[in-house]
């Protein structure tokens, strides 16, 4: 077998390998990411694990984007709602469940197990429906908001799944991330509610709520039941456009902020976006408000989305390009073109929502 083939199939830059590394030794399977895909879902469908996919594709997070080509192990073939796993030395039900985005109970139910005892060589069915209950262990710096953004769900969905009455969490805490977060949830309007306050509370946008409920105005009434769709309502830009926009934007990190600026001599936030898109042959409106009005709302952030904030005036007044992992690229009044974290104490309470222009 040619070394070149091994390098190509495993995305290796050199012939250096290490003990325990997973290598593809036959021609691999390739998969192109589609709308609403997640690594957990792809791993489940192809009978592999999230970690294996991340290792083969040198991914450092679970973030993927529409149009991205992923390398899958040669043994991976699309399955139905049920995949199988052969127990290896050192495995436990808990470990297997975590690797496959399912639960111990789901595995036990699927295999008729009455205890947690398993043995090497045993074949276990991993039910496709098991991924509806994933878990996440809180890390330093995490907030419910940042966790919700990373996992394509909402703060409210996480709180409900875990019986939380406040936004307080602690490092090491295990949170259930309900797989149903991407489906339509409902909310009953309470006294003092507005579409805006409901949208902010649930990590969505006013426009997304109006569209999901067929509303033509912002009027709502106490007791009214609203659908809160967790699915993105627009198609993500193609992978090469997203990559090109982000690469272009990052060229100007450090360029100073200039009110009304639209060139590398100095940008304001909308001037920066207008210029970056224009360099890729895309003409977008010039002001934050008109960009907001032209975009299609999304309820689940994807890389390349435009994120909007309410800063010095009511309504959208600042915007940037979402980079994944809670970060966005923008022209800041204090730092010029820079990368900031959406969970920052300044940006988090001012977040309005995300939109796509493609």
Protein backbone atom coordinates (compact mmCIF):
# COMPACT_ATOMS: atom_id res chain seq x y z
CA UNK A 1 0.00 0.00 0.00
CA UNK A 2 1.51 3.37 -0.99
CA UNK A 3 2.50 5.64 1.90
CA UNK A 4 0.98 8.53 -0.06
CA UNK A 5 -2.43 6.86 0.14
CA UNK A 6 -2.16 6.48 3.90
CA UNK A 7 -1.18 10.14 4.23
CA UNK A 8 -4.08 11.22 2.03
CA UNK A 9 -6.73 9.00 3.63
CA UNK A 10 -5.74 10.10 7.15
CA UNK A 11 -5.17 13.81 6.41
CA UNK A 12 -1.54 13.49 7.59
CA UNK A 13 1.07 16.16 6.83
CA UNK A 14 4.04 13.91 7.63
CA UNK A 15 4.93 10.25 8.14
CA UNK A 16 5.10 10.70 11.92
CA UNK A 17 2.55 8.58 13.79
CA UNK A 18 2.09 7.74 17.47
CA UNK A 19 1.02 4.75 19.55
CA UNK A 20 -2.76 4.48 19.87
CA UNK A 21 -3.43 6.68 16.83
CA UNK A 22 -6.35 5.56 14.64
CA UNK A 23 -5.39 5.12 10.97
CA UNK A 24 -7.51 4.37 7.92
CA UNK A 25 -5.84 1.56 5.97
CA UNK A 26 -8.43 1.21 3.22
CA UNK A 27 -10.00 3.83 0.99
CA UNK A 28 -12.17 5.92 3.33
CA UNK A 29 -15.79 6.97 3.12
CA UNK A 30 -16.42 10.68 2.60
CA UNK A 31 -19.46 12.51 3.87
CA UNK A 32 -20.60 16.04 3.01
CA UNK A 33 -22.26 17.87 5.89
CA UNK A 34 -25.91 18.78 5.33
CA UNK A 35 -28.23 21.25 7.01
CA UNK A 36 -29.06 20.29 10.64
CA UNK A 37 -26.22 17.70 10.79
CA UNK A 38 -24.16 17.24 13.95
CA UNK A 39 -21.14 15.04 14.64
CA UNK A 40 -23.25 12.97 17.02
CA UNK A 41 -25.88 12.35 14.37
CA UNK A 42 -23.31 11.50 11.66
CA UNK A 43 -21.43 9.15 14.01
CA UNK A 44 -24.68 7.40 14.91
CA UNK A 45 -25.76 7.05 11.27
CA UNK A 46 -22.40 5.58 10.21
CA UNK A 47 -21.73 3.34 13.20
CA UNK A 48 -18.67 5.21 14.41
CA UNK A 49 -17.89 7.68 17.22
CA UNK A 50 -17.66 11.44 17.44
CA UNK A 51 -14.07 11.18 18.66
CA UNK A 52 -13.04 9.00 15.71
CA UNK A 53 -14.47 11.52 13.25
CA UNK A 54 -12.73 14.39 15.07
CA UNK A 55 -9.40 12.51 15.09
CA UNK A 56 -9.57 11.65 11.39
CA UNK A 57 -10.47 15.21 10.41
CA UNK A 58 -8.23 17.01 12.93
CA UNK A 59 -11.22 18.75 14.48
CA UNK A 60 -10.67 20.50 17.81
CA UNK A 61 -14.37 21.09 18.50
CA UNK A 62 -17.74 19.65 17.52
CA UNK A 63 -18.43 22.56 15.16
CA UNK A 64 -19.11 21.60 11.54
CA UNK A 65 -20.65 23.53 8.66
CA UNK A 66 -22.84 22.78 5.68
CA UNK A 67 -20.79 21.66 2.67
CA UNK A 68 -17.81 20.49 4.75
CA UNK A 69 -16.34 17.13 3.63
CA UNK A 70 -15.61 14.71 6.45
CA UNK A 71 -13.49 11.58 6.28
CA UNK A 72 -15.12 8.55 7.90
CA UNK A 73 -13.55 5.15 8.69
CA UNK A 74 -13.70 2.66 5.85
CA UNK A 75 -15.90 0.37 7.92
CA UNK A 76 -18.44 3.16 8.32
CA UNK A 77 -21.55 2.76 6.21
CA UNK A 78 -24.84 4.51 6.69
CA UNK A 79 -27.16 2.48 8.87
CA UNK A 80 -30.74 2.70 9.92
CA UNK A 81 -31.88 3.76 13.37
CA UNK A 82 -29.76 1.13 15.09
CA UNK A 83 -25.98 0.62 15.06
CA UNK A 84 -23.85 -1.94 16.84
CA UNK A 85 -20.69 -1.75 18.92
CA UNK A 86 -18.29 -4.49 19.97
CA UNK A 87 -17.10 -4.18 23.57
CA UNK A 88 -13.34 -3.69 23.99
CA UNK A 89 -11.05 -4.11 26.99
CA UNK A 90 -11.58 -1.27 29.47
CA UNK A 91 -15.06 -0.41 28.20
CA UNK A 92 -17.95 0.36 30.51
CA UNK A 93 -21.55 1.16 29.61
CA UNK A 94 -20.98 4.71 30.80
CA UNK A 95 -17.91 5.14 28.58
CA UNK A 96 -19.65 3.65 25.53
CA UNK A 97 -22.73 5.80 26.08
CA UNK A 98 -20.64 8.97 26.32
CA UNK A 99 -18.64 8.16 23.17
CA UNK A 100 -21.79 7.51 21.15
CA UNK A 101 -23.91 10.36 22.44
CA UNK A 102 -26.43 8.13 24.17
CA UNK A 103 -27.24 6.99 27.73
CA UNK A 104 -26.56 3.88 29.80
CA UNK A 105 -30.30 3.33 30.17
CA UNK A 106 -30.84 3.51 26.39
CA UNK A 107 -28.14 0.89 25.78
CA UNK A 108 -29.52 -1.38 28.51
CA UNK A 109 -33.05 -1.05 27.14
CA UNK A 110 -31.91 -1.75 23.57
CA UNK A 111 -30.05 -4.90 24.65
CA UNK A 112 -32.33 -6.21 27.40
CA UNK A 113 -29.61 -5.80 30.04
CA UNK A 114 -30.59 -5.94 33.72
CA UNK A 115 -27.19 -4.84 35.05
CA UNK A 116 -24.21 -2.74 33.94
CA UNK A 117 -22.04 -5.83 33.44
CA UNK A 118 -20.61 -6.29 29.93
CA UNK A 119 -17.76 -8.44 28.56
CA UNK A 120 -15.06 -8.06 25.92
CA UNK A 121 -16.31 -9.13 22.49
CA UNK A 122 -19.96 -8.58 23.34
CA UNK A 123 -21.98 -6.88 20.57
CA UNK A 124 -24.27 -4.11 21.76
CA UNK A 125 -27.07 -2.42 19.85
CA UNK A 126 -26.89 1.36 20.04
CA UNK A 127 -30.40 2.58 19.36
CA UNK A 128 -30.62 5.53 17.00
CA UNK A 129 -33.12 7.20 19.27
CA UNK A 130 -30.71 7.19 22.18
CA UNK A 131 -29.07 10.43 21.13
CA UNK A 132 -32.09 12.34 22.41
CA UNK A 133 -30.42 12.51 25.82
CA UNK A 134 -26.81 13.68 25.59
CA UNK A 135 -24.82 15.01 28.51
CA UNK A 136 -22.21 17.73 28.96
CA UNK A 137 -19.80 18.31 31.84
CA UNK A 138 -19.42 21.97 32.78
CA UNK A 139 -15.90 23.37 32.31
CA UNK A 140 -14.27 26.52 33.74
CA UNK A 141 -15.67 29.61 32.05
CA UNK A 142 -18.86 27.89 30.86
CA UNK A 143 -22.27 29.52 31.19
CA UNK A 144 -25.66 28.14 30.21
CA UNK A 145 -25.63 30.55 27.28
CA UNK A 146 -22.24 29.43 25.91
CA UNK A 147 -23.20 25.75 26.33
CA UNK A 148 -26.51 26.32 24.54
CA UNK A 149 -24.78 28.07 21.62
CA UNK A 150 -22.15 25.32 21.28
CA UNK A 151 -24.73 22.54 21.26
CA UNK A 152 -27.41 24.16 19.10
CA UNK A 153 -30.00 24.37 21.85
CA UNK A 154 -31.40 27.08 24.15
CA UNK A 155 -30.80 28.14 27.74
CA UNK A 156 -34.45 27.42 28.51
CA UNK A 157 -34.23 23.89 27.05
CA UNK A 158 -31.18 23.08 29.18
CA UNK A 159 -32.82 24.49 32.32
CA UNK A 160 -35.98 22.49 31.67
CA UNK A 161 -34.08 19.25 30.97
CA UNK A 162 -32.14 19.62 34.22
CA UNK A 163 -34.81 21.11 36.49
CA UNK A 164 -32.81 24.32 36.98
CA UNK A 165 -34.53 27.38 38.41
CA UNK A 166 -31.62 29.78 37.82
CA UNK A 167 -28.70 30.18 35.41
CA UNK A 168 -26.15 29.14 38.04
CA UNK A 169 -23.98 26.14 37.17
CA UNK A 170 -20.75 24.78 38.63
CA UNK A 171 -17.59 23.27 37.16
CA UNK A 172 -17.90 19.48 36.96
CA UNK A 173 -21.69 19.53 36.90
CA UNK A 174 -23.24 17.12 34.38
CA UNK A 175 -26.03 18.63 32.30
CA UNK A 176 -28.51 16.78 30.13
CA UNK A 177 -28.71 18.24 26.62
CA UNK A 178 -32.05 17.10 25.33
CA UNK A 179 -31.95 15.98 21.71
CA UNK A 180 -35.39 17.45 21.26
CA UNK A 181 -33.96 20.95 21.53
CA UNK A 182 -33.81 21.21 17.76
CA UNK A 183 -37.52 20.52 17.42
CA UNK A 184 -40.38 22.92 18.00
CA UNK A 185 -40.82 23.91 21.65
CA UNK A 186 -43.68 25.97 23.02
CA UNK A 187 -43.93 28.88 25.42
CA UNK A 188 -46.98 30.36 27.14
CA UNK A 189 -46.99 34.16 27.23
CA UNK A 190 -46.88 35.66 30.74
CA UNK A 191 -47.72 39.19 31.98
CA UNK A 192 -45.00 41.64 30.94
CA UNK A 193 -43.71 39.45 28.10
CA UNK A 194 -42.86 40.87 24.69
CA UNK A 195 -41.68 39.01 21.59
CA UNK A 196 -38.27 40.57 22.15
CA UNK A 197 -37.95 39.42 25.79
CA UNK A 198 -39.13 35.92 24.86
CA UNK A 199 -36.65 35.73 21.96
CA UNK A 200 -33.72 36.80 24.15
CA UNK A 201 -34.71 34.36 26.92
CA UNK A 202 -34.84 31.43 24.49
CA UNK A 203 -31.83 32.28 22.32
CA UNK A 204 -33.82 33.01 19.17
CA UNK A 205 -35.08 36.12 17.32
CA UNK A 206 -38.33 38.04 17.12
CA UNK A 207 -38.51 37.31 13.40
CA UNK A 208 -38.06 33.56 13.95
CA UNK A 209 -40.90 33.48 16.50
CA UNK A 210 -43.19 35.50 14.22
CA UNK A 211 -42.45 33.19 11.29
CA UNK A 212 -42.99 30.02 13.35
CA UNK A 213 -46.37 31.30 14.54
CA UNK A 214 -47.59 33.11 11.43
CA UNK A 215 -47.63 36.47 13.22
CA UNK A 216 -47.85 39.66 11.17
CA UNK A 217 -47.27 42.05 14.10
CA UNK A 218 -45.46 42.06 17.45
CA UNK A 219 -48.73 41.88 19.41
CA UNK A 220 -49.13 38.93 21.77
CA UNK A 221 -51.51 38.23 24.65
CA UNK A 222 -51.14 36.63 28.07
CA UNK A 223 -51.88 32.91 27.89
CA UNK A 224 -51.05 32.67 24.19
CA UNK A 225 -48.97 29.60 23.25
CA UNK A 226 -46.05 30.31 20.94
CA UNK A 227 -43.95 27.81 19.01
CA UNK A 228 -40.21 28.35 19.46
CA UNK A 229 -38.58 26.56 16.55
CA UNK A 230 -35.07 25.29 17.27
CA UNK A 231 -34.23 24.66 13.63
CA UNK A 232 -32.31 27.14 11.50
CA UNK A 233 -34.72 28.82 9.12
CA UNK A 234 -32.23 29.50 6.36
CA UNK A 235 -29.65 27.55 4.39
CA UNK A 236 -26.07 27.97 5.55
CA UNK A 237 -23.69 29.49 2.98
CA UNK A 238 -21.54 27.01 1.09
CA UNK A 239 -18.36 25.94 2.85
CA UNK A 240 -15.95 27.76 0.53
CA UNK A 241 -17.86 31.04 0.79
CA UNK A 242 -17.85 30.87 4.59
CA UNK A 243 -14.15 30.03 4.69
CA UNK A 244 -13.35 32.81 2.23
CA UNK A 245 -15.34 35.40 4.19
CA UNK A 246 -13.70 34.49 7.47
CA UNK A 247 -10.21 34.34 5.95
CA UNK A 248 -10.75 37.74 4.33
CA UNK A 249 -12.07 39.25 7.54
CA UNK A 250 -9.18 37.97 9.64
CA UNK A 251 -6.71 39.77 7.35
CA UNK A 252 -7.82 43.04 8.91
CA UNK A 253 -7.51 42.16 12.59
CA UNK A 254 -5.95 45.20 14.24
CA UNK A 255 -7.29 47.73 11.71
CA UNK A 256 -8.62 50.68 13.76
CA UNK A 257 -12.27 51.59 14.18
CA UNK A 258 -13.34 54.66 12.20
CA UNK A 259 -16.94 55.89 12.25
CA UNK A 260 -18.24 55.56 8.69
CA UNK A 261 -15.08 53.71 7.63
CA UNK A 262 -15.36 51.24 4.75
CA UNK A 263 -11.73 50.47 3.87
CA UNK A 264 -8.63 48.87 5.42
CA UNK A 265 -7.62 52.36 6.53
CA UNK A 266 -10.40 52.08 9.11
CA UNK A 267 -13.78 50.36 9.50
CA UNK A 268 -16.96 50.78 11.44
CA UNK A 269 -18.81 47.51 12.12
CA UNK A 270 -21.12 47.54 9.10
CA UNK A 271 -18.42 49.01 6.86
CA UNK A 272 -16.21 46.06 7.80
CA UNK A 273 -18.90 43.54 6.86
CA UNK A 274 -19.74 45.37 3.64
CA UNK A 275 -16.07 45.41 2.59
CA UNK A 276 -15.36 41.76 3.47
CA UNK A 277 -18.43 40.51 1.59
CA UNK A 278 -17.62 42.74 -1.39
CA UNK A 279 -14.12 41.22 -1.66
CA UNK A 280 -15.90 37.91 -2.23
CA UNK A 281 -18.23 39.28 -4.89
CA UNK A 282 -21.22 39.72 -2.57
CA UNK A 283 -22.91 43.09 -2.17
CA UNK A 284 -24.74 43.59 1.12
CA UNK A 285 -26.50 46.64 2.61
CA UNK A 286 -24.33 49.30 4.22
CA UNK A 287 -25.86 49.79 7.68
CA UNK A 288 -26.42 47.32 10.51
CA UNK A 289 -30.16 47.93 10.48
CA UNK A 290 -30.51 47.33 6.74
CA UNK A 291 -28.31 44.22 6.94
CA UNK A 292 -30.56 42.94 9.75
CA UNK A 293 -33.68 43.62 7.69
CA UNK A 294 -32.22 41.89 4.62
CA UNK A 295 -31.15 38.73 6.44
CA UNK A 296 -33.01 35.52 7.16
CA UNK A 297 -33.27 34.73 10.89
CA UNK A 298 -31.71 31.61 12.36
CA UNK A 299 -32.44 29.99 15.70
CA UNK A 300 -29.30 27.84 15.86
CA UNK A 301 -25.94 29.50 15.22
CA UNK A 302 -23.66 28.17 12.48
CA UNK A 303 -20.22 29.36 11.44
CA UNK A 304 -20.57 32.24 8.97
CA UNK A 305 -23.85 33.56 10.37
CA UNK A 306 -24.03 37.27 11.14
CA UNK A 307 -24.65 38.04 14.81
CA UNK A 308 -26.36 41.25 15.90
CA UNK A 309 -26.34 43.29 19.09
CA UNK A 310 -28.22 46.22 20.58
CA UNK A 311 -25.57 48.67 21.80
CA UNK A 312 -25.91 52.46 21.66
CA UNK A 313 -29.53 52.60 20.44
CA UNK A 314 -32.64 50.43 20.44
CA UNK A 315 -32.65 47.71 17.81
CA UNK A 316 -29.68 46.25 15.89
CA UNK A 317 -26.70 48.61 16.08
CA UNK A 318 -23.67 46.30 15.95
CA UNK A 319 -22.85 43.13 13.99
CA UNK A 320 -20.10 40.63 13.28
CA UNK A 321 -19.36 37.23 11.70
CA UNK A 322 -19.84 34.14 13.89
CA UNK A 323 -16.70 31.95 14.04
CA UNK A 324 -17.96 29.10 16.20
CA UNK A 325 -17.34 28.27 19.87
CA UNK A 326 -19.12 31.47 20.92
CA UNK A 327 -16.66 33.77 19.13
CA UNK A 328 -17.32 36.43 16.50
CA UNK A 329 -15.22 38.66 14.24
CA UNK A 330 -16.15 42.35 14.15
CA UNK A 331 -14.98 45.96 14.12
CA UNK A 332 -15.13 47.10 17.74
CA UNK A 333 -15.14 50.78 18.74
CA UNK A 334 -12.50 50.05 21.40
CA UNK A 335 -10.21 47.52 19.69
CA UNK A 336 -10.83 47.89 15.96
CA UNK A 337 -11.18 44.66 13.99
CA UNK A 338 -10.95 41.91 16.58
CA UNK A 339 -12.36 38.58 17.76
CA UNK A 340 -14.63 38.68 20.81
CA UNK A 341 -16.58 36.17 22.87
CA UNK A 342 -20.36 36.41 22.75
CA UNK A 343 -20.46 35.31 26.38
CA UNK A 344 -18.52 38.41 27.40
CA UNK A 345 -20.43 40.38 30.11
CA UNK A 346 -20.80 43.27 27.67
CA UNK A 347 -21.96 41.35 24.59
CA UNK A 348 -24.10 38.60 26.10
CA UNK A 349 -26.99 40.77 27.40
CA UNK A 350 -26.97 42.83 24.19
CA UNK A 351 -27.31 39.90 21.78
CA UNK A 352 -30.36 40.22 19.50
CA UNK A 353 -30.03 37.19 17.24
CA UNK A 354 -28.37 35.85 14.11
CA UNK A 355 -29.15 36.09 10.42
CA UNK A 356 -27.92 34.71 7.11
CA UNK A 357 -27.62 36.66 3.88
CA UNK A 358 -27.19 33.80 1.38
